[in-house]
Amino acid sequence: MATDLFERLAELDVPPPPARFDDQLHERVNRSLVVGQLMDLMFGAVPWAVVEFSRAVIGSVLFTLTGRYETKPNRRRR
């Protein structure tokens, strides 16, 4: 029975895709990729960079004012 179905499907004519099908597909995929990458940049990389840069600037200001560079104690040492 399955072979009859496959034989009937093999005889059907499949219409060609629309002329701009590939262009439309690429536009949609590219748009979603750009949105995903911008979200990753805005919510991942930029906040991380701001935190790291602010730590460096605050450390530099504190070193300038106090003359000491404070480090966090290493918790692994006993």
PDB file of N, CA and C in Angstrom:
ATOM      1  N   MET A   1       0.815  -1.187   0.000  1.00  0.00           N
ATOM      2  CA  MET A   1       0.000   0.000   0.000  1.00  0.00           C
ATOM      3  C   MET A   1       0.869   1.266   0.000  1.00  0.00           C
ATOM      4  N   ALA A   2       1.949   1.240   0.761  1.00  0.00           N
ATOM      5  CA  ALA A   2       2.812   2.414   0.809  1.00  0.00           C
ATOM      6  C   ALA A   2       3.465   2.658  -0.541  1.00  0.00           C
ATOM      7  N   THR A   3       3.768   1.588  -1.261  1.00  0.00           N
ATOM      8  CA  THR A   3       4.402   1.796  -2.556  1.00  0.00           C
ATOM      9  C   THR A   3       3.425   2.428  -3.541  1.00  0.00           C
ATOM     10  N   ASP A   4       2.151   2.115  -3.438  1.00  0.00           N
ATOM     11  CA  ASP A   4       1.166   2.749  -4.320  1.00  0.00           C
ATOM     12  C   ASP A   4       1.117   4.255  -4.068  1.00  0.00           C
ATOM     13  N   LEU A   5       1.154   4.638  -2.818  1.00  0.00           N
ATOM     14  CA  LEU A   5       1.124   6.055  -2.475  1.00  0.00           C
ATOM     15  C   LEU A   5       2.366   6.749  -3.035  1.00  0.00           C
ATOM     16  N   PHE A   6       3.519   6.135  -2.859  1.00  0.00           N
ATOM     17  CA  PHE A   6       4.750   6.735  -3.351  1.00  0.00           C
ATOM     18  C   PHE A   6       4.761   6.806  -4.878  1.00  0.00           C
ATOM     19  N   GLU A   7       4.214   5.816  -5.526  1.00  0.00           N
ATOM     20  CA  GLU A   7       4.159   5.847  -6.994  1.00  0.00           C
ATOM     21  C   GLU A   7       3.230   6.947  -7.470  1.00  0.00           C
ATOM     22  N   ARG A   8       2.113   7.124  -6.792  1.00  0.00           N
ATOM     23  CA  ARG A   8       1.196   8.200  -7.187  1.00  0.00           C
ATOM     24  C   ARG A   8       1.833   9.568  -6.938  1.00  0.00           C
ATOM     25  N   LEU A   9       2.540   9.711  -5.823  1.00  0.00           N
ATOM     26  CA  LEU A   9       3.201  10.986  -5.537  1.00  0.00           C
ATOM     27  C   LEU A   9       4.315  11.269  -6.534  1.00  0.00           C
ATOM     28  N   ALA A  10       4.975  10.232  -7.009  1.00  0.00           N
ATOM     29  CA  ALA A  10       6.063  10.409  -7.969  1.00  0.00           C
ATOM     30  C   ALA A  10       5.542  10.901  -9.312  1.00  0.00           C
ATOM     31  N   GLU A  11       4.306  10.602  -9.620  1.00  0.00           N
ATOM     32  CA  GLU A  11       3.748  11.023 -10.898  1.00  0.00           C
ATOM     33  C   GLU A  11       3.208  12.450 -10.878  1.00  0.00           C
ATOM     34  N   LEU A  12       3.033  13.040  -9.698  1.00  0.00           N
ATOM     35  CA  LEU A  12       2.499  14.401  -9.607  1.00  0.00           C
ATOM     36  C   LEU A  12       3.530  15.422 -10.070  1.00  0.00           C
ATOM     37  N   ASP A  13       3.060  16.432 -10.764  1.00  0.00           N
ATOM     38  CA  ASP A  13       3.939  17.527 -11.170  1.00  0.00           C
ATOM     39  C   ASP A  13       4.053  18.534 -10.030  1.00  0.00           C
ATOM     40  N   VAL A  14       5.275  18.921  -9.734  1.00  0.00           N
ATOM     41  CA  VAL A  14       5.527  19.906  -8.685  1.00  0.00           C
ATOM     42  C   VAL A  14       5.813  21.234  -9.364  1.00  0.00           C
ATOM     43  N   PRO A  15       5.078  22.285  -9.009  1.00  0.00           N
ATOM     44  CA  PRO A  15       5.324  23.580  -9.655  1.00  0.00           C
ATOM     45  C   PRO A  15       6.673  24.135  -9.201  1.00  0.00           C
ATOM     46  N   PRO A  16       7.316  24.905 -10.056  1.00  0.00           N
ATOM     47  CA  PRO A  16       8.601  25.505  -9.661  1.00  0.00           C
ATOM     48  C   PRO A  16       8.376  26.560  -8.582  1.00  0.00           C
ATOM     49  N   PRO A  17       9.394  26.828  -7.767  1.00  0.00           N
ATOM     50  CA  PRO A  17       9.237  27.865  -6.734  1.00  0.00           C
ATOM     51  C   PRO A  17       9.107  29.235  -7.376  1.00  0.00           C
ATOM     52  N   PRO A  18       8.569  30.198  -6.659  1.00  0.00           N
ATOM     53  CA  PRO A  18       8.455  31.553  -7.203  1.00  0.00           C
ATOM     54  C   PRO A  18       9.829  32.102  -7.592  1.00  0.00           C
ATOM     55  N   ALA A  19       9.808  33.079  -8.471  1.00  0.00           N
ATOM     56  CA  ALA A  19      11.062  33.611  -9.024  1.00  0.00           C
ATOM     57  C   ALA A  19      11.956  34.211  -7.941  1.00  0.00           C
ATOM     58  N   ARG A  20      11.394  34.912  -6.973  1.00  0.00           N
ATOM     59  CA  ARG A  20      12.192  35.567  -5.940  1.00  0.00           C
ATOM     60  C   ARG A  20      12.191  34.792  -4.630  1.00  0.00           C
ATOM     61  N   PHE A  21      11.965  33.489  -4.685  1.00  0.00           N
ATOM     62  CA  PHE A  21      11.879  32.684  -3.480  1.00  0.00           C
ATOM     63  C   PHE A  21      13.192  32.719  -2.691  1.00  0.00           C
ATOM     64  N   ASP A  22      14.312  32.526  -3.362  1.00  0.00           N
ATOM     65  CA  ASP A  22      15.604  32.539  -2.674  1.00  0.00           C
ATOM     66  C   ASP A  22      15.908  33.903  -2.083  1.00  0.00           C
ATOM     67  N   ASP A  23      15.610  34.969  -2.816  1.00  0.00           N
ATOM     68  CA  ASP A  23      15.866  36.315  -2.307  1.00  0.00           C
ATOM     69  C   ASP A  23      15.037  36.590  -1.062  1.00  0.00           C
ATOM     70  N   GLN A  24      13.766  36.210  -1.103  1.00  0.00           N
ATOM     71  CA  GLN A  24      12.898  36.433   0.054  1.00  0.00           C
ATOM     72  C   GLN A  24      13.372  35.623   1.255  1.00  0.00           C
ATOM     73  N   LEU A  25      13.785  34.396   1.016  1.00  0.00           N
ATOM     74  CA  LEU A  25      14.281  33.553   2.093  1.00  0.00           C
ATOM     75  C   LEU A  25      15.541  34.156   2.705  1.00  0.00           C
ATOM     76  N   HIS A  26      16.468  34.592   1.871  1.00  0.00           N
ATOM     77  CA  HIS A  26      17.698  35.189   2.385  1.00  0.00           C
ATOM     78  C   HIS A  26      17.414  36.471   3.156  1.00  0.00           C
ATOM     79  N   GLU A  27      16.484  37.271   2.697  1.00  0.00           N
ATOM     80  CA  GLU A  27      16.149  38.505   3.412  1.00  0.00           C
ATOM     81  C   GLU A  27      15.603  38.202   4.797  1.00  0.00           C
ATOM     82  N   ARG A  28      14.704  37.226   4.905  1.00  0.00           N
ATOM     83  CA  ARG A  28      14.125  36.884   6.204  1.00  0.00           C
ATOM     84  C   ARG A  28      15.175  36.293   7.134  1.00  0.00           C
ATOM     85  N   VAL A  29      15.997  35.402   6.619  1.00  0.00           N
ATOM     86  CA  VAL A  29      17.018  34.772   7.457  1.00  0.00           C
ATOM     87  C   VAL A  29      18.049  35.807   7.891  1.00  0.00           C
ATOM     88  N   ASN A  30      18.495  36.637   6.972  1.00  0.00           N
ATOM     89  CA  ASN A  30      19.487  37.655   7.318  1.00  0.00           C
ATOM     90  C   ASN A  30      18.938  38.631   8.349  1.00  0.00           C
ATOM     91  N   ARG A  31      17.680  39.014   8.202  1.00  0.00           N
ATOM     92  CA  ARG A  31      17.066  39.934   9.148  1.00  0.00           C
ATOM     93  C   ARG A  31      17.034  39.315  10.546  1.00  0.00           C
ATOM     94  N   SER A  32      16.645  38.048  10.636  1.00  0.00           N
ATOM     95  CA  SER A  32      16.580  37.414  11.953  1.00  0.00           C
ATOM     96  C   SER A  32      17.982  37.216  12.532  1.00  0.00           C
ATOM     97  N   LEU A  33      18.967  36.918  11.706  1.00  0.00           N
ATOM     98  CA  LEU A  33      20.336  36.791  12.200  1.00  0.00           C
ATOM     99  C   LEU A  33      20.871  38.113  12.728  1.00  0.00           C
ATOM    100  N   VAL A  34      20.593  39.188  12.019  1.00  0.00           N
ATOM    101  CA  VAL A  34      21.059  40.508  12.461  1.00  0.00           C
ATOM    102  C   VAL A  34      20.400  40.885  13.777  1.00  0.00           C
ATOM    103  N   VAL A  35      19.104  40.644  13.895  1.00  0.00           N
ATOM    104  CA  VAL A  35      18.406  40.964  15.139  1.00  0.00           C
ATOM    105  C   VAL A  35      18.979  40.137  16.289  1.00  0.00           C
ATOM    106  N   GLY A  36      19.214  38.872  16.070  1.00  0.00           N
ATOM    107  CA  GLY A  36      19.780  38.021  17.115  1.00  0.00           C
ATOM    108  C   GLY A  36      21.168  38.464  17.532  1.00  0.00           C
ATOM    109  N   GLN A  37      21.989  38.825  16.570  1.00  0.00           N
ATOM    110  CA  GLN A  37      23.347  39.266  16.894  1.00  0.00           C
ATOM    111  C   GLN A  37      23.343  40.615  17.612  1.00  0.00           C
ATOM    112  N   LEU A  38      22.446  41.521  17.211  1.00  0.00           N
ATOM    113  CA  LEU A  38      22.358  42.810  17.900  1.00  0.00           C
ATOM    114  C   LEU A  38      21.877  42.640  19.330  1.00  0.00           C
ATOM    115  N   MET A  39      20.919  41.726  19.547  1.00  0.00           N
ATOM    116  CA  MET A  39      20.455  41.472  20.910  1.00  0.00           C
ATOM    117  C   MET A  39      21.579  40.886  21.755  1.00  0.00           C
ATOM    118  N   ASP A  40      22.344  39.966  21.188  1.00  0.00           N
ATOM    119  CA  ASP A  40      23.474  39.382  21.906  1.00  0.00           C
ATOM    120  C   ASP A  40      24.505  40.453  22.244  1.00  0.00           C
ATOM    121  N   LEU A  41      24.743  41.350  21.323  1.00  0.00           N
ATOM    122  CA  LEU A  41      25.692  42.429  21.552  1.00  0.00           C
ATOM    123  C   LEU A  41      25.194  43.379  22.636  1.00  0.00           C
ATOM    124  N   MET A  42      23.933  43.784  22.535  1.00  0.00           N
ATOM    125  CA  MET A  42      23.386  44.768  23.473  1.00  0.00           C
ATOM    126  C   MET A  42      23.201  44.201  24.884  1.00  0.00           C
ATOM    127  N   PHE A  43      22.799  42.961  25.001  1.00  0.00           N
ATOM    128  CA  PHE A  43      22.504  42.392  26.314  1.00  0.00           C
ATOM    129  C   PHE A  43      23.618  41.518  26.865  1.00  0.00           C
ATOM    130  N   GLY A  44      24.653  41.274  26.080  1.00  0.00           N
ATOM    131  CA  GLY A  44      25.743  40.423  26.547  1.00  0.00           C
ATOM    132  C   GLY A  44      27.077  41.126  26.546  1.00  0.00           C
ATOM    133  N   ALA A  45      27.515  41.548  25.393  1.00  0.00           N
ATOM    134  CA  ALA A  45      28.867  42.082  25.254  1.00  0.00           C
ATOM    135  C   ALA A  45      29.003  43.507  25.792  1.00  0.00           C
ATOM    136  N   VAL A  46      28.034  44.357  25.511  1.00  0.00           N
ATOM    137  CA  VAL A  46      28.142  45.759  25.943  1.00  0.00           C
ATOM    138  C   VAL A  46      28.108  45.873  27.467  1.00  0.00           C
ATOM    139  N   PRO A  47      27.158  45.218  28.164  1.00  0.00           N
ATOM    140  CA  PRO A  47      27.204  45.317  29.636  1.00  0.00           C
ATOM    141  C   PRO A  47      28.498  44.759  30.226  1.00  0.00           C
ATOM    142  N   TRP A  48      28.992  43.655  29.689  1.00  0.00           N
ATOM    143  CA  TRP A  48      30.249  43.092  30.181  1.00  0.00           C
ATOM    144  C   TRP A  48      31.391  44.086  29.974  1.00  0.00           C
ATOM    145  N   ALA A  49      31.453  44.700  28.804  1.00  0.00           N
ATOM    146  CA  ALA A  49      32.522  45.662  28.512  1.00  0.00           C
ATOM    147  C   ALA A  49      32.415  46.887  29.414  1.00  0.00           C
ATOM    148  N   VAL A  50      31.196  47.345  29.670  1.00  0.00           N
ATOM    149  CA  VAL A  50      31.014  48.511  30.548  1.00  0.00           C
ATOM    150  C   VAL A  50      31.481  48.184  31.961  1.00  0.00           C
ATOM    151  N   VAL A  51      31.130  47.010  32.468  1.00  0.00           N
ATOM    152  CA  VAL A  51      31.553  46.623  33.816  1.00  0.00           C
ATOM    153  C   VAL A  51      33.067  46.521  33.897  1.00  0.00           C
ATOM    154  N   GLU A  52      33.680  45.861  32.931  1.00  0.00           N
ATOM    155  CA  GLU A  52      35.139  45.708  32.967  1.00  0.00           C
ATOM    156  C   GLU A  52      35.852  47.051  32.836  1.00  0.00           C
ATOM    157  N   PHE A  53      35.344  47.914  31.948  1.00  0.00           N
ATOM    158  CA  PHE A  53      35.966  49.221  31.775  1.00  0.00           C
ATOM    159  C   PHE A  53      35.799  50.067  33.034  1.00  0.00           C
ATOM    160  N   SER A  54      34.625  50.006  33.645  1.00  0.00           N
ATOM    161  CA  SER A  54      34.406  50.800  34.861  1.00  0.00           C
ATOM    162  C   SER A  54      35.289  50.303  36.002  1.00  0.00           C
ATOM    163  N   ARG A  55      35.504  48.979  36.092  1.00  0.00           N
ATOM    164  CA  ARG A  55      36.413  48.467  37.121  1.00  0.00           C
ATOM    165  C   ARG A  55      37.821  49.021  36.917  1.00  0.00           C
ATOM    166  N   ALA A  56      38.263  49.093  35.668  1.00  0.00           N
ATOM    167  CA  ALA A  56      39.600  49.625  35.383  1.00  0.00           C
ATOM    168  C   ALA A  56      39.681  51.108  35.710  1.00  0.00           C
ATOM    169  N   VAL A  57      38.662  51.859  35.355  1.00  0.00           N
ATOM    170  CA  VAL A  57      38.679  53.306  35.621  1.00  0.00           C
ATOM    171  C   VAL A  57      38.621  53.568  37.120  1.00  0.00           C
ATOM    172  N   ILE A  58      37.762  52.860  37.835  1.00  0.00           N
ATOM    173  CA  ILE A  58      37.662  53.044  39.287  1.00  0.00           C
ATOM    174  C   ILE A  58      38.973  52.650  39.960  1.00  0.00           C
ATOM    175  N   GLY A  59      39.578  51.566  39.509  1.00  0.00           N
ATOM    176  CA  GLY A  59      40.872  51.165  40.061  1.00  0.00           C
ATOM    177  C   GLY A  59      41.942  52.204  39.817  1.00  0.00           C
ATOM    178  N   SER A  60      41.933  52.791  38.651  1.00  0.00           N
ATOM    179  CA  SER A  60      42.916  53.830  38.328  1.00  0.00           C
ATOM    180  C   SER A  60      42.705  55.070  39.196  1.00  0.00           C
ATOM    181  N   VAL A  61      41.454  55.465  39.378  1.00  0.00           N
ATOM    182  CA  VAL A  61      41.155  56.637  40.212  1.00  0.00           C
ATOM    183  C   VAL A  61      41.544  56.370  41.664  1.00  0.00           C
ATOM    184  N   LEU A  62      41.197  55.192  42.174  1.00  0.00           N
ATOM    185  CA  LEU A  62      41.555  54.867  43.555  1.00  0.00           C
ATOM    186  C   LEU A  62      43.066  54.801  43.738  1.00  0.00           C
ATOM    187  N   PHE A  63      43.783  54.269  42.773  1.00  0.00           N
ATOM    188  CA  PHE A  63      45.240  54.217  42.857  1.00  0.00           C
ATOM    189  C   PHE A  63      45.825  55.628  42.840  1.00  0.00           C
ATOM    190  N   THR A  64      45.249  56.505  42.036  1.00  0.00           N
ATOM    191  CA  THR A  64      45.726  57.884  41.969  1.00  0.00           C
ATOM    192  C   THR A  64      45.487  58.609  43.289  1.00  0.00           C
ATOM    193  N   LEU A  65      44.342  58.371  43.897  1.00  0.00           N
ATOM    194  CA  LEU A  65      44.002  59.078  45.133  1.00  0.00           C
ATOM    195  C   LEU A  65      44.732  58.510  46.349  1.00  0.00           C
ATOM    196  N   THR A  66      44.844  57.202  46.451  1.00  0.00           N
ATOM    197  CA  THR A  66      45.398  56.594  47.653  1.00  0.00           C
ATOM    198  C   THR A  66      46.844  56.145  47.503  1.00  0.00           C
ATOM    199  N   GLY A  67      47.292  55.874  46.319  1.00  0.00           N
ATOM    200  CA  GLY A  67      48.640  55.385  46.115  1.00  0.00           C
ATOM    201  C   GLY A  67      48.770  53.890  46.360  1.00  0.00           C
ATOM    202  N   ARG A  68      47.660  53.211  46.592  1.00  0.00           N
ATOM    203  CA  ARG A  68      47.674  51.769  46.834  1.00  0.00           C
ATOM    204  C   ARG A  68      46.755  51.096  45.826  1.00  0.00           C
ATOM    205  N   TYR A  69      47.160  49.918  45.426  1.00  0.00           N
ATOM    206  CA  TYR A  69      46.317  49.119  44.529  1.00  0.00           C
ATOM    207  C   TYR A  69      45.730  47.978  45.335  1.00  0.00           C
ATOM    208  N   GLU A  70      44.470  48.070  45.629  1.00  0.00           N
ATOM    209  CA  GLU A  70      43.807  47.069  46.456  1.00  0.00           C
ATOM    210  C   GLU A  70      43.372  45.892  45.598  1.00  0.00           C
ATOM    211  N   THR A  71      43.679  44.705  46.055  1.00  0.00           N
ATOM    212  CA  THR A  71      43.225  43.497  45.376  1.00  0.00           C
ATOM    213  C   THR A  71      42.320  42.728  46.322  1.00  0.00           C
ATOM    214  N   LYS A  72      41.445  41.943  45.752  1.00  0.00           N
ATOM    215  CA  LYS A  72      40.578  41.107  46.573  1.00  0.00           C
ATOM    216  C   LYS A  72      41.412  39.967  47.137  1.00  0.00           C
ATOM    217  N   PRO A  73      41.172  39.585  48.380  1.00  0.00           N
ATOM    218  CA  PRO A  73      41.937  38.463  48.938  1.00  0.00           C
ATOM    219  C   PRO A  73      41.603  37.169  48.201  1.00  0.00           C
ATOM    220  N   ASN A  74      42.625  36.350  48.047  1.00  0.00           N
ATOM    221  CA  ASN A  74      42.442  35.073  47.376  1.00  0.00           C
ATOM    222  C   ASN A  74      41.793  34.106  48.349  1.00  0.00           C
ATOM    223  N   ARG A  75      40.624  33.609  48.028  1.00  0.00           N
ATOM    224  CA  ARG A  75      39.876  32.748  48.940  1.00  0.00           C
ATOM    225  C   ARG A  75      40.463  31.346  49.030  1.00  0.00           C
ATOM    226  N   ARG A  76      41.289  30.950  48.086  1.00  0.00           N
ATOM    227  CA  ARG A  76      41.841  29.597  48.091  1.00  0.00           C
ATOM    228  C   ARG A  76      42.995  29.465  49.094  1.00  0.00           C
ATOM    229  N   ARG A  77      43.666  30.575  49.370  1.00  0.00           N
ATOM    230  CA  ARG A  77      44.774  30.516  50.348  1.00  0.00           C
ATOM    231  C   ARG A  77      44.208  30.400  51.745  1.00  0.00           C
ATOM    232  N   ARG A  78      44.865  29.589  52.576  1.00  0.00           N
ATOM    233  CA  ARG A  78      44.421  29.438  53.966  1.00  0.00           C
ATOM    234  C   ARG A  78      45.562  29.689  54.888  1.00  0.00           C
TER     235      ARG A  78
END
